[in-house]
Amino acid sequence: MAKILISAQIDVDPARRAEALETARVHIAAALAEKGCIHYDWSACAMNPARINVFEEWESEEALAAHFRDPAYLGMRDHIGRFGITSAVSRKYRVDAEAPVYDEAGLPSAAFG
């Protein structure tokens, strides 16, 4: 069973981004409590004052499908929509290999295996 990663960039009114992030905590916590959720985070982009970066990691396609049916997802979707979305791009990735970035000597490696 392959893990699923989601990377998204959501642009909102820059004057409301901090509020959007702060008030999203309840939705983030709800997603993190779902079965199959490994990681779920929203953060402010350091380079774009409008951007919220979203990163998710799910145990499987089935776990992600369940998330899309869960009230946490619906609440999050409705929540972020109230902050003046000007752009939104999201992509999902099925992970076929996984390895540490740094080897035993502390050196970064692009290789898998």
C-alpha atoms as a PDB file:
ATOM      1  CA  MET A   1       0.000   0.000   0.000  1.00  0.00           C
ATOM      2  CA  ALA A   2       1.487   3.329  -1.087  1.00  0.00           C
ATOM      3  CA  LYS A   3       1.374   6.490   0.981  1.00  0.00           C
ATOM      4  CA  ILE A   4      -0.249   9.572  -0.505  1.00  0.00           C
ATOM      5  CA  LEU A   5       1.236  13.077  -0.225  1.00  0.00           C
ATOM      6  CA  ILE A   6      -0.624  16.293  -0.980  1.00  0.00           C
ATOM      7  CA  SER A   7       1.073  19.614  -1.624  1.00  0.00           C
ATOM      8  CA  ALA A   8      -1.121  22.682  -2.048  1.00  0.00           C
ATOM      9  CA  GLN A   9      -0.685  26.422  -2.301  1.00  0.00           C
ATOM     10  CA  ILE A  10      -3.703  28.567  -1.456  1.00  0.00           C
ATOM     11  CA  ASP A  11      -3.554  32.327  -1.926  1.00  0.00           C
ATOM     12  CA  VAL A  12      -5.901  34.456   0.162  1.00  0.00           C
ATOM     13  CA  ASP A  13      -6.246  38.128   1.002  1.00  0.00           C
ATOM     14  CA  PRO A  14      -2.848  38.890   2.627  1.00  0.00           C
ATOM     15  CA  ALA A  15      -4.556  41.014   5.277  1.00  0.00           C
ATOM     16  CA  ARG A  16      -6.534  37.927   6.373  1.00  0.00           C
ATOM     17  CA  ARG A  17      -3.937  35.155   6.037  1.00  0.00           C
ATOM     18  CA  ALA A  18      -2.929  35.174   9.730  1.00  0.00           C
ATOM     19  CA  GLU A  19      -6.588  34.944  10.768  1.00  0.00           C
ATOM     20  CA  ALA A  20      -7.192  32.121   8.280  1.00  0.00           C
ATOM     21  CA  LEU A  21      -4.291  30.143   9.733  1.00  0.00           C
ATOM     22  CA  GLU A  22      -5.155  30.804  13.373  1.00  0.00           C
ATOM     23  CA  THR A  23      -8.809  29.872  12.998  1.00  0.00           C
ATOM     24  CA  ALA A  24      -7.924  26.768  10.925  1.00  0.00           C
ATOM     25  CA  ARG A  25      -6.446  25.011  13.971  1.00  0.00           C
ATOM     26  CA  VAL A  26      -9.704  23.206  14.781  1.00  0.00           C
ATOM     27  CA  HIS A  27      -9.881  21.830  11.226  1.00  0.00           C
ATOM     28  CA  ILE A  28      -6.224  20.822  11.219  1.00  0.00           C
ATOM     29  CA  ALA A  29      -6.645  19.036  14.562  1.00  0.00           C
ATOM     30  CA  ALA A  30      -9.717  17.221  13.243  1.00  0.00           C
ATOM     31  CA  ALA A  31      -7.825  16.001  10.167  1.00  0.00           C
ATOM     32  CA  LEU A  32      -4.878  14.867  12.298  1.00  0.00           C
ATOM     33  CA  ALA A  33      -7.301  12.789  14.401  1.00  0.00           C
ATOM     34  CA  GLU A  34      -8.597  10.902  11.371  1.00  0.00           C
ATOM     35  CA  LYS A  35      -7.607   7.288  10.839  1.00  0.00           C
ATOM     36  CA  GLY A  36      -4.790   7.090   8.309  1.00  0.00           C
ATOM     37  CA  CYS A  37      -3.592  10.686   8.671  1.00  0.00           C
ATOM     38  CA  ILE A  38       0.167  10.778   9.233  1.00  0.00           C
ATOM     39  CA  HIS A  39       0.766  14.509   8.776  1.00  0.00           C
ATOM     40  CA  TYR A  40      -1.437  17.521   8.063  1.00  0.00           C
ATOM     41  CA  ASP A  41      -0.165  21.093   8.226  1.00  0.00           C
ATOM     42  CA  TRP A  42      -0.957  24.585   6.993  1.00  0.00           C
ATOM     43  CA  SER A  43       1.750  27.233   7.149  1.00  0.00           C
ATOM     44  CA  ALA A  44       2.461  30.762   5.960  1.00  0.00           C
ATOM     45  CA  CYS A  45       4.774  31.024   2.977  1.00  0.00           C
ATOM     46  CA  ALA A  46       7.865  33.079   3.833  1.00  0.00           C
ATOM     47  CA  MET A  47       8.098  34.469   0.295  1.00  0.00           C
ATOM     48  CA  ASN A  48       4.468  35.297  -0.575  1.00  0.00           C
ATOM     49  CA  PRO A  49       2.299  37.236   1.918  1.00  0.00           C
ATOM     50  CA  ALA A  50      -0.913  35.792   0.456  1.00  0.00           C
ATOM     51  CA  ARG A  51       0.123  32.130   0.339  1.00  0.00           C
ATOM     52  CA  ILE A  52      -0.777  29.285   2.656  1.00  0.00           C
ATOM     53  CA  ASN A  53       1.203  26.100   2.048  1.00  0.00           C
ATOM     54  CA  VAL A  54      -0.570  22.841   2.806  1.00  0.00           C
ATOM     55  CA  PHE A  55       1.218  19.523   3.295  1.00  0.00           C
ATOM     56  CA  GLU A  56      -0.575  16.260   3.959  1.00  0.00           C
ATOM     57  CA  GLU A  57       0.578  12.650   4.310  1.00  0.00           C
ATOM     58  CA  TRP A  58      -1.914   9.770   4.300  1.00  0.00           C
ATOM     59  CA  GLU A  59      -1.366   6.039   4.858  1.00  0.00           C
ATOM     60  CA  SER A  60      -3.260   5.076   1.692  1.00  0.00           C
ATOM     61  CA  GLU A  61      -5.668   6.112  -1.045  1.00  0.00           C
ATOM     62  CA  GLU A  62      -8.449   4.643   1.100  1.00  0.00           C
ATOM     63  CA  ALA A  63      -7.506   6.895   4.034  1.00  0.00           C
ATOM     64  CA  LEU A  64      -7.504   9.947   1.765  1.00  0.00           C
ATOM     65  CA  ALA A  65     -10.881   8.958   0.288  1.00  0.00           C
ATOM     66  CA  ALA A  66     -12.297   8.672   3.815  1.00  0.00           C
ATOM     67  CA  HIS A  67     -10.884  12.120   4.631  1.00  0.00           C
ATOM     68  CA  PHE A  68     -12.719  13.618   1.644  1.00  0.00           C
ATOM     69  CA  ARG A  69     -15.995  12.265   3.095  1.00  0.00           C
ATOM     70  CA  ASP A  70     -15.244  13.377   6.671  1.00  0.00           C
ATOM     71  CA  PRO A  71     -16.754  16.514   8.262  1.00  0.00           C
ATOM     72  CA  ALA A  72     -13.174  17.725   8.930  1.00  0.00           C
ATOM     73  CA  TYR A  73     -12.541  18.068   5.203  1.00  0.00           C
ATOM     74  CA  LEU A  74     -15.869  19.747   4.542  1.00  0.00           C
ATOM     75  CA  GLY A  75     -15.305  22.156   7.444  1.00  0.00           C
ATOM     76  CA  MET A  76     -11.810  23.015   6.219  1.00  0.00           C
ATOM     77  CA  ARG A  77     -13.026  23.601   2.673  1.00  0.00           C
ATOM     78  CA  ASP A  78     -15.800  25.915   3.850  1.00  0.00           C
ATOM     79  CA  HIS A  79     -13.459  27.668   6.320  1.00  0.00           C
ATOM     80  CA  ILE A  80     -10.741  28.623   3.851  1.00  0.00           C
ATOM     81  CA  GLY A  81     -13.320  29.769   1.319  1.00  0.00           C
ATOM     82  CA  ARG A  82     -14.281  32.644   3.629  1.00  0.00           C
ATOM     83  CA  PHE A  83     -10.855  34.307   3.307  1.00  0.00           C
ATOM     84  CA  GLY A  84     -10.921  35.522  -0.283  1.00  0.00           C
ATOM     85  CA  ILE A  85      -9.168  32.760  -2.236  1.00  0.00           C
ATOM     86  CA  THR A  86      -7.441  34.276  -5.271  1.00  0.00           C
ATOM     87  CA  SER A  87      -5.612  31.122  -6.359  1.00  0.00           C
ATOM     88  CA  ALA A  88      -5.444  27.488  -5.318  1.00  0.00           C
ATOM     89  CA  VAL A  89      -3.295  24.690  -6.687  1.00  0.00           C
ATOM     90  CA  SER A  90      -3.153  21.236  -5.169  1.00  0.00           C
ATOM     91  CA  ARG A  91      -1.476  18.034  -6.315  1.00  0.00           C
ATOM     92  CA  LYS A  92      -1.445  14.524  -4.887  1.00  0.00           C
ATOM     93  CA  TYR A  93       1.429  12.071  -5.177  1.00  0.00           C
ATOM     94  CA  ARG A  94       1.524   8.316  -4.638  1.00  0.00           C
ATOM     95  CA  VAL A  95       4.803   7.365  -2.963  1.00  0.00           C
ATOM     96  CA  ASP A  96       6.546   4.309  -4.398  1.00  0.00           C
ATOM     97  CA  ALA A  97       9.839   4.697  -2.512  1.00  0.00           C
ATOM     98  CA  GLU A  98      10.954   6.260   0.750  1.00  0.00           C
ATOM     99  CA  ALA A  99      14.405   6.819   2.238  1.00  0.00           C
ATOM    100  CA  PRO A 100      16.187   9.213   4.601  1.00  0.00           C
ATOM    101  CA  VAL A 101      17.657  12.383   3.096  1.00  0.00           C
ATOM    102  CA  TYR A 102      20.898  12.073   5.083  1.00  0.00           C
ATOM    103  CA  ASP A 103      23.097   8.970   5.186  1.00  0.00           C
ATOM    104  CA  GLU A 104      24.868   7.583   8.252  1.00  0.00           C
ATOM    105  CA  ALA A 105      27.733  10.053   7.752  1.00  0.00           C
ATOM    106  CA  GLY A 106      25.294  12.992   7.765  1.00  0.00           C
ATOM    107  CA  LEU A 107      25.624  13.630   4.030  1.00  0.00           C
ATOM    108  CA  PRO A 108      22.578  14.326   1.856  1.00  0.00           C
ATOM    109  CA  SER A 109      21.745  11.759  -0.800  1.00  0.00           C
ATOM    110  CA  ALA A 110      19.275  11.871  -3.671  1.00  0.00           C
ATOM    111  CA  ALA A 111      19.413   8.080  -4.047  1.00  0.00           C
ATOM    112  CA  PHE A 112      16.794   5.600  -2.879  1.00  0.00           C
ATOM    113  CA  GLY A 113      18.427   2.467  -1.620  1.00  0.00           C
END
